[in-house]
PDB file of N, CA and C in Angstrom:
ATOM      1  N   UNK A   1     -13.872   3.193  -7.641  1.00  0.00           N
ATOM      2  CA  UNK A   1     -13.075   3.765  -8.697  1.00  0.00           C
ATOM      3  C   UNK A   1     -12.803   5.240  -8.440  1.00  0.00           C
ATOM      4  N   UNK A   2     -13.765   5.935  -7.868  1.00  0.00           N
ATOM      5  CA  UNK A   2     -13.554   7.363  -7.625  1.00  0.00           C
ATOM      6  C   UNK A   2     -12.441   7.584  -6.613  1.00  0.00           C
ATOM      7  N   UNK A   3     -12.335   6.696  -5.637  1.00  0.00           N
ATOM      8  CA  UNK A   3     -11.258   6.789  -4.656  1.00  0.00           C
ATOM      9  C   UNK A   3      -9.901   6.592  -5.331  1.00  0.00           C
ATOM     10  N   UNK A   4      -9.794   5.589  -6.177  1.00  0.00           N
ATOM     11  CA  UNK A   4      -8.542   5.342  -6.899  1.00  0.00           C
ATOM     12  C   UNK A   4      -8.199   6.499  -7.828  1.00  0.00           C
ATOM     13  N   UNK A   5      -9.208   7.050  -8.485  1.00  0.00           N
ATOM     14  CA  UNK A   5      -8.972   8.188  -9.376  1.00  0.00           C
ATOM     15  C   UNK A   5      -8.497   9.403  -8.590  1.00  0.00           C
ATOM     16  N   UNK A   6      -9.053   9.600  -7.411  1.00  0.00           N
ATOM     17  CA  UNK A   6      -8.637  10.719  -6.561  1.00  0.00           C
ATOM     18  C   UNK A   6      -7.165  10.553  -6.152  1.00  0.00           C
ATOM     19  N   UNK A   7      -6.761   9.343  -5.815  1.00  0.00           N
ATOM     20  CA  UNK A   7      -5.357   9.085  -5.478  1.00  0.00           C
ATOM     21  C   UNK A   7      -4.473   9.353  -6.692  1.00  0.00           C
ATOM     22  N   UNK A   8      -4.881   8.863  -7.848  1.00  0.00           N
ATOM     23  CA  UNK A   8      -4.096   9.044  -9.070  1.00  0.00           C
ATOM     24  C   UNK A   8      -3.967  10.517  -9.441  1.00  0.00           C
ATOM     25  N   UNK A   9      -5.023  11.285  -9.237  1.00  0.00           N
ATOM     26  CA  UNK A   9      -5.006  12.705  -9.599  1.00  0.00           C
ATOM     27  C   UNK A   9      -4.236  13.561  -8.596  1.00  0.00           C
ATOM     28  N   UNK A  10      -4.467  13.331  -7.320  1.00  0.00           N
ATOM     29  CA  UNK A  10      -3.936  14.219  -6.289  1.00  0.00           C
ATOM     30  C   UNK A  10      -2.650  13.736  -5.630  1.00  0.00           C
ATOM     31  N   UNK A  11      -2.391  12.447  -5.670  1.00  0.00           N
ATOM     32  CA  UNK A  11      -1.231  11.903  -4.976  1.00  0.00           C
ATOM     33  C   UNK A  11      -0.415  10.986  -5.882  1.00  0.00           C
ATOM     34  N   UNK A  12      -0.275  11.364  -7.127  1.00  0.00           N
ATOM     35  CA  UNK A  12       0.410  10.520  -8.110  1.00  0.00           C
ATOM     36  C   UNK A  12       1.867  10.258  -7.735  1.00  0.00           C
ATOM     37  N   UNK A  13       2.492  11.191  -7.041  1.00  0.00           N
ATOM     38  CA  UNK A  13       3.899  10.998  -6.668  1.00  0.00           C
ATOM     39  C   UNK A  13       4.046  10.263  -5.350  1.00  0.00           C
ATOM     40  N   UNK A  14       2.960   9.989  -4.678  1.00  0.00           N
ATOM     41  CA  UNK A  14       2.988   9.264  -3.425  1.00  0.00           C
ATOM     42  C   UNK A  14       3.259   7.787  -3.678  1.00  0.00           C
ATOM     43  N   UNK A  15       3.526   7.049  -2.635  1.00  0.00           N
ATOM     44  CA  UNK A  15       3.870   5.634  -2.766  1.00  0.00           C
ATOM     45  C   UNK A  15       2.717   4.804  -3.345  1.00  0.00           C
ATOM     46  N   UNK A  16       1.499   5.259  -3.181  1.00  0.00           N
ATOM     47  CA  UNK A  16       0.345   4.519  -3.698  1.00  0.00           C
ATOM     48  C   UNK A  16      -0.119   4.997  -5.066  1.00  0.00           C
ATOM     49  N   UNK A  17       0.547   5.966  -5.643  1.00  0.00           N
ATOM     50  CA  UNK A  17       0.138   6.508  -6.936  1.00  0.00           C
ATOM     51  C   UNK A  17       0.124   5.471  -8.037  1.00  0.00           C
ATOM     52  N   UNK A  18       1.208   4.711  -8.157  1.00  0.00           N
ATOM     53  CA  UNK A  18       1.269   3.700  -9.214  1.00  0.00           C
ATOM     54  C   UNK A  18       0.294   2.558  -8.950  1.00  0.00           C
ATOM     55  N   UNK A  19       0.070   2.240  -7.682  1.00  0.00           N
ATOM     56  CA  UNK A  19      -0.911   1.205  -7.350  1.00  0.00           C
ATOM     57  C   UNK A  19      -2.299   1.608  -7.849  1.00  0.00           C
ATOM     58  N   UNK A  20      -2.689   2.840  -7.556  1.00  0.00           N
ATOM     59  CA  UNK A  20      -4.018   3.320  -7.949  1.00  0.00           C
ATOM     60  C   UNK A  20      -4.184   3.296  -9.458  1.00  0.00           C
ATOM     61  N   UNK A  21      -3.170   3.735 -10.180  1.00  0.00           N
ATOM     62  CA  UNK A  21      -3.253   3.769 -11.642  1.00  0.00           C
ATOM     63  C   UNK A  21      -3.331   2.354 -12.213  1.00  0.00           C
ATOM     64  N   UNK A  22      -2.528   1.447 -11.686  1.00  0.00           N
ATOM     65  CA  UNK A  22      -2.568   0.067 -12.167  1.00  0.00           C
ATOM     66  C   UNK A  22      -3.932  -0.570 -11.887  1.00  0.00           C
ATOM     67  N   UNK A  23      -4.452  -0.370 -10.681  1.00  0.00           N
ATOM     68  CA  UNK A  23      -5.750  -0.959 -10.336  1.00  0.00           C
ATOM     69  C   UNK A  23      -6.879  -0.358 -11.168  1.00  0.00           C
ATOM     70  N   UNK A  24      -6.775   0.931 -11.493  1.00  0.00           N
ATOM     71  CA  UNK A  24      -7.763   1.529 -12.396  1.00  0.00           C
ATOM     72  C   UNK A  24      -7.704   0.855 -13.767  1.00  0.00           C
ATOM     73  N   UNK A  25      -6.513   0.617 -14.266  1.00  0.00           N
ATOM     74  CA  UNK A  25      -6.366  -0.081 -15.538  1.00  0.00           C
ATOM     75  C   UNK A  25      -6.973  -1.468 -15.493  1.00  0.00           C
ATOM     76  N   UNK A  26      -6.738  -2.146 -14.390  1.00  0.00           N
ATOM     77  CA  UNK A  26      -7.283  -3.494 -14.221  1.00  0.00           C
ATOM     78  C   UNK A  26      -8.815  -3.474 -14.181  1.00  0.00           C
ATOM     79  N   UNK A  27      -9.383  -2.507 -13.499  1.00  0.00           N
ATOM     80  CA  UNK A  27     -10.843  -2.383 -13.434  1.00  0.00           C
ATOM     81  C   UNK A  27     -11.418  -2.060 -14.810  1.00  0.00           C
ATOM     82  N   UNK A  28     -10.793  -1.115 -15.505  1.00  0.00           N
ATOM     83  CA  UNK A  28     -11.269  -0.778 -16.855  1.00  0.00           C
ATOM     84  C   UNK A  28     -11.192  -1.986 -17.782  1.00  0.00           C
ATOM     85  N   UNK A  29     -10.132  -2.759 -17.680  1.00  0.00           N
ATOM     86  CA  UNK A  29      -9.957  -3.905 -18.568  1.00  0.00           C
ATOM     87  C   UNK A  29     -10.895  -5.050 -18.212  1.00  0.00           C
ATOM     88  N   UNK A  30     -10.977  -5.386 -16.952  1.00  0.00           N
ATOM     89  CA  UNK A  30     -11.694  -6.580 -16.528  1.00  0.00           C
ATOM     90  C   UNK A  30     -13.195  -6.367 -16.355  1.00  0.00           C
ATOM     91  N   UNK A  31     -13.562  -5.307 -15.680  1.00  0.00           N
ATOM     92  CA  UNK A  31     -14.966  -5.128 -15.315  1.00  0.00           C
ATOM     93  C   UNK A  31     -15.727  -4.180 -16.233  1.00  0.00           C
ATOM     94  N   UNK A  32     -15.087  -3.105 -16.640  1.00  0.00           N
ATOM     95  CA  UNK A  32     -15.751  -2.113 -17.480  1.00  0.00           C
ATOM     96  C   UNK A  32     -15.633  -2.435 -18.972  1.00  0.00           C
ATOM     97  N   UNK A  33     -14.720  -3.320 -19.325  1.00  0.00           N
ATOM     98  CA  UNK A  33     -14.484  -3.720 -20.722  1.00  0.00           C
ATOM     99  C   UNK A  33     -14.156  -2.516 -21.609  1.00  0.00           C
ATOM    100  N   UNK A  34     -13.431  -1.551 -21.046  1.00  0.00           N
ATOM    101  CA  UNK A  34     -13.022  -0.360 -21.773  1.00  0.00           C
ATOM    102  C   UNK A  34     -11.510  -0.448 -22.002  1.00  0.00           C
ATOM    103  N   UNK A  35     -11.137  -1.101 -23.099  1.00  0.00           N
ATOM    104  CA  UNK A  35      -9.736  -1.365 -23.370  1.00  0.00           C
ATOM    105  C   UNK A  35      -8.918  -0.099 -23.621  1.00  0.00           C
ATOM    106  N   UNK A  36      -9.525   0.928 -24.180  1.00  0.00           N
ATOM    107  CA  UNK A  36      -8.789   2.167 -24.459  1.00  0.00           C
ATOM    108  C   UNK A  36      -8.370   2.866 -23.162  1.00  0.00           C
ATOM    109  N   UNK A  37      -9.270   2.935 -22.195  1.00  0.00           N
ATOM    110  CA  UNK A  37      -8.919   3.548 -20.917  1.00  0.00           C
ATOM    111  C   UNK A  37      -7.917   2.683 -20.162  1.00  0.00           C
ATOM    112  N   UNK A  38      -8.063   1.369 -20.271  1.00  0.00           N
ATOM    113  CA  UNK A  38      -7.106   0.467 -19.628  1.00  0.00           C
ATOM    114  C   UNK A  38      -5.720   0.658 -20.234  1.00  0.00           C
ATOM    115  N   UNK A  39      -5.642   0.750 -21.556  1.00  0.00           N
ATOM    116  CA  UNK A  39      -4.359   0.985 -22.216  1.00  0.00           C
ATOM    117  C   UNK A  39      -3.731   2.293 -21.751  1.00  0.00           C
ATOM    118  N   UNK A  40      -4.541   3.315 -21.592  1.00  0.00           N
ATOM    119  CA  UNK A  40      -4.037   4.612 -21.143  1.00  0.00           C
ATOM    120  C   UNK A  40      -3.439   4.510 -19.733  1.00  0.00           C
ATOM    121  N   UNK A  41      -4.085   3.761 -18.862  1.00  0.00           N
ATOM    122  CA  UNK A  41      -3.570   3.582 -17.498  1.00  0.00           C
ATOM    123  C   UNK A  41      -2.265   2.794 -17.510  1.00  0.00           C
ATOM    124  N   UNK A  42      -2.226   1.718 -18.281  1.00  0.00           N
ATOM    125  CA  UNK A  42      -1.006   0.909 -18.355  1.00  0.00           C
ATOM    126  C   UNK A  42       0.138   1.696 -18.990  1.00  0.00           C
ATOM    127  N   UNK A  43      -0.178   2.487 -19.989  1.00  0.00           N
ATOM    128  CA  UNK A  43       0.845   3.301 -20.639  1.00  0.00           C
ATOM    129  C   UNK A  43       1.416   4.333 -19.668  1.00  0.00           C
ATOM    130  N   UNK A  44       0.563   4.871 -18.828  1.00  0.00           N
ATOM    131  CA  UNK A  44       1.022   5.837 -17.828  1.00  0.00           C
ATOM    132  C   UNK A  44       1.992   5.177 -16.854  1.00  0.00           C
ATOM    133  N   UNK A  45       1.704   3.963 -16.458  1.00  0.00           N
ATOM    134  CA  UNK A  45       2.624   3.220 -15.585  1.00  0.00           C
ATOM    135  C   UNK A  45       3.961   3.025 -16.291  1.00  0.00           C
ATOM    136  N   UNK A  46       3.919   2.601 -17.551  1.00  0.00           N
ATOM    137  CA  UNK A  46       5.133   2.322 -18.316  1.00  0.00           C
ATOM    138  C   UNK A  46       5.998   3.570 -18.468  1.00  0.00           C
ATOM    139  N   UNK A  47       5.375   4.694 -18.759  1.00  0.00           N
ATOM    140  CA  UNK A  47       6.129   5.909 -19.048  1.00  0.00           C
ATOM    141  C   UNK A  47       6.524   6.709 -17.811  1.00  0.00           C
ATOM    142  N   UNK A  48       5.659   6.761 -16.824  1.00  0.00           N
ATOM    143  CA  UNK A  48       5.895   7.631 -15.678  1.00  0.00           C
ATOM    144  C   UNK A  48       6.382   6.917 -14.428  1.00  0.00           C
ATOM    145  N   UNK A  49       6.219   5.612 -14.365  1.00  0.00           N
ATOM    146  CA  UNK A  49       6.607   4.853 -13.178  1.00  0.00           C
ATOM    147  C   UNK A  49       7.487   3.667 -13.589  1.00  0.00           C
ATOM    148  N   UNK A  50       8.585   3.944 -14.230  1.00  0.00           N
ATOM    149  CA  UNK A  50       9.450   2.894 -14.769  1.00  0.00           C
ATOM    150  C   UNK A  50       9.996   1.947 -13.707  1.00  0.00           C
ATOM    151  N   UNK A  51      10.159   2.434 -12.485  1.00  0.00           N
ATOM    152  CA  UNK A  51      10.694   1.610 -11.398  1.00  0.00           C
ATOM    153  C   UNK A  51       9.613   0.929 -10.571  1.00  0.00           C
ATOM    154  N   UNK A  52       8.382   1.052 -10.998  1.00  0.00           N
ATOM    155  CA  UNK A  52       7.267   0.468 -10.265  1.00  0.00           C
ATOM    156  C   UNK A  52       7.314  -1.055 -10.334  1.00  0.00           C
ATOM    157  N   UNK A  53       6.808  -1.675  -9.283  1.00  0.00           N
ATOM    158  CA  UNK A  53       6.691  -3.129  -9.292  1.00  0.00           C
ATOM    159  C   UNK A  53       5.639  -3.595 -10.296  1.00  0.00           C
ATOM    160  N   UNK A  54       4.785  -2.683 -10.741  1.00  0.00           N
ATOM    161  CA  UNK A  54       3.743  -3.005 -11.713  1.00  0.00           C
ATOM    162  C   UNK A  54       4.183  -2.780 -13.156  1.00  0.00           C
ATOM    163  N   UNK A  55       5.365  -2.254 -13.379  1.00  0.00           N
ATOM    164  CA  UNK A  55       5.803  -1.869 -14.724  1.00  0.00           C
ATOM    165  C   UNK A  55       5.837  -3.051 -15.692  1.00  0.00           C
ATOM    166  N   UNK A  56       6.353  -4.175 -15.269  1.00  0.00           N
ATOM    167  CA  UNK A  56       6.454  -5.344 -16.155  1.00  0.00           C
ATOM    168  C   UNK A  56       5.069  -5.874 -16.507  1.00  0.00           C
ATOM    169  N   UNK A  57       4.208  -5.992 -15.503  1.00  0.00           N
ATOM    170  CA  UNK A  57       2.848  -6.489 -15.759  1.00  0.00           C
ATOM    171  C   UNK A  57       2.054  -5.495 -16.609  1.00  0.00           C
ATOM    172  N   UNK A  58       2.240  -4.208 -16.352  1.00  0.00           N
ATOM    173  CA  UNK A  58       1.557  -3.189 -17.154  1.00  0.00           C
ATOM    174  C   UNK A  58       2.006  -3.264 -18.606  1.00  0.00           C
ATOM    175  N   UNK A  59       3.293  -3.490 -18.829  1.00  0.00           N
ATOM    176  CA  UNK A  59       3.817  -3.611 -20.195  1.00  0.00           C
ATOM    177  C   UNK A  59       3.213  -4.820 -20.895  1.00  0.00           C
ATOM    178  N   UNK A  60       3.095  -5.936 -20.207  1.00  0.00           N
ATOM    179  CA  UNK A  60       2.486  -7.143 -20.788  1.00  0.00           C
ATOM    180  C   UNK A  60       1.030  -6.896 -21.169  1.00  0.00           C
ATOM    181  N   UNK A  61       0.291  -6.291 -20.257  1.00  0.00           N
ATOM    182  CA  UNK A  61      -1.128  -6.047 -20.511  1.00  0.00           C
ATOM    183  C   UNK A  61      -1.318  -5.016 -21.624  1.00  0.00           C
ATOM    184  N   UNK A  62      -0.465  -4.003 -21.648  1.00  0.00           N
ATOM    185  CA  UNK A  62      -0.545  -2.985 -22.700  1.00  0.00           C
ATOM    186  C   UNK A  62      -0.312  -3.611 -24.063  1.00  0.00           C
ATOM    187  N   UNK A  63       0.703  -4.447 -24.171  1.00  0.00           N
ATOM    188  CA  UNK A  63       0.989  -5.111 -25.445  1.00  0.00           C
ATOM    189  C   UNK A  63      -0.133  -6.038 -25.858  1.00  0.00           C
ATOM    190  N   UNK A  64      -0.740  -6.710 -24.901  1.00  0.00           N
ATOM    191  CA  UNK A  64      -1.853  -7.601 -25.224  1.00  0.00           C
ATOM    192  C   UNK A  64      -3.055  -6.802 -25.727  1.00  0.00           C
ATOM    193  N   UNK A  65      -3.361  -5.699 -25.061  1.00  0.00           N
ATOM    194  CA  UNK A  65      -4.482  -4.863 -25.497  1.00  0.00           C
ATOM    195  C   UNK A  65      -4.225  -4.215 -26.843  1.00  0.00           C
ATOM    196  N   UNK A  66      -2.962  -3.905 -27.109  1.00  0.00           N
ATOM    197  CA  UNK A  66      -2.603  -3.280 -28.380  1.00  0.00           C
ATOM    198  C   UNK A  66      -2.620  -4.298 -29.517  1.00  0.00           C
ATOM    199  N   UNK A  67      -2.541  -5.581 -29.167  1.00  0.00           N
ATOM    200  CA  UNK A  67      -2.606  -6.636 -30.180  1.00  0.00           C
ATOM    201  C   UNK A  67      -1.265  -7.191 -30.584  1.00  0.00           C
ATOM    202  N   UNK A  68      -0.211  -6.819 -29.868  1.00  0.00           N
ATOM    203  CA  UNK A  68       1.119  -7.317 -30.209  1.00  0.00           C
ATOM    204  C   UNK A  68       1.302  -8.790 -29.838  1.00  0.00           C
ATOM    205  N   UNK A  69       0.690  -9.203 -28.727  1.00  0.00           N
ATOM    206  CA  UNK A  69       0.797 -10.592 -28.288  1.00  0.00           C
ATOM    207  C   UNK A  69      -0.600 -11.133 -28.007  1.00  0.00           C
ATOM    208  N   UNK A  70      -0.692 -12.446 -27.916  1.00  0.00           N
ATOM    209  CA  UNK A  70      -1.994 -13.086 -27.631  1.00  0.00           C
ATOM    210  C   UNK A  70      -2.150 -13.395 -26.186  1.00  0.00           C
TER     211      UNK A  70
END
């Protein structure tokens, strides 16, 4: 996780920036069970990386964590 966080912090505009943020969200959601941090990561993808290949999946997961869908 520290490696992914370092990429997200220092190389956010690089080609792997959105990957690192999405994977951090996935780790927070699946393994750490920290839905608030996962939502924050997914929201960052939605707002800052609109053209990302992860944008649609991040939007789905964000809505699920927020309680909009089941």
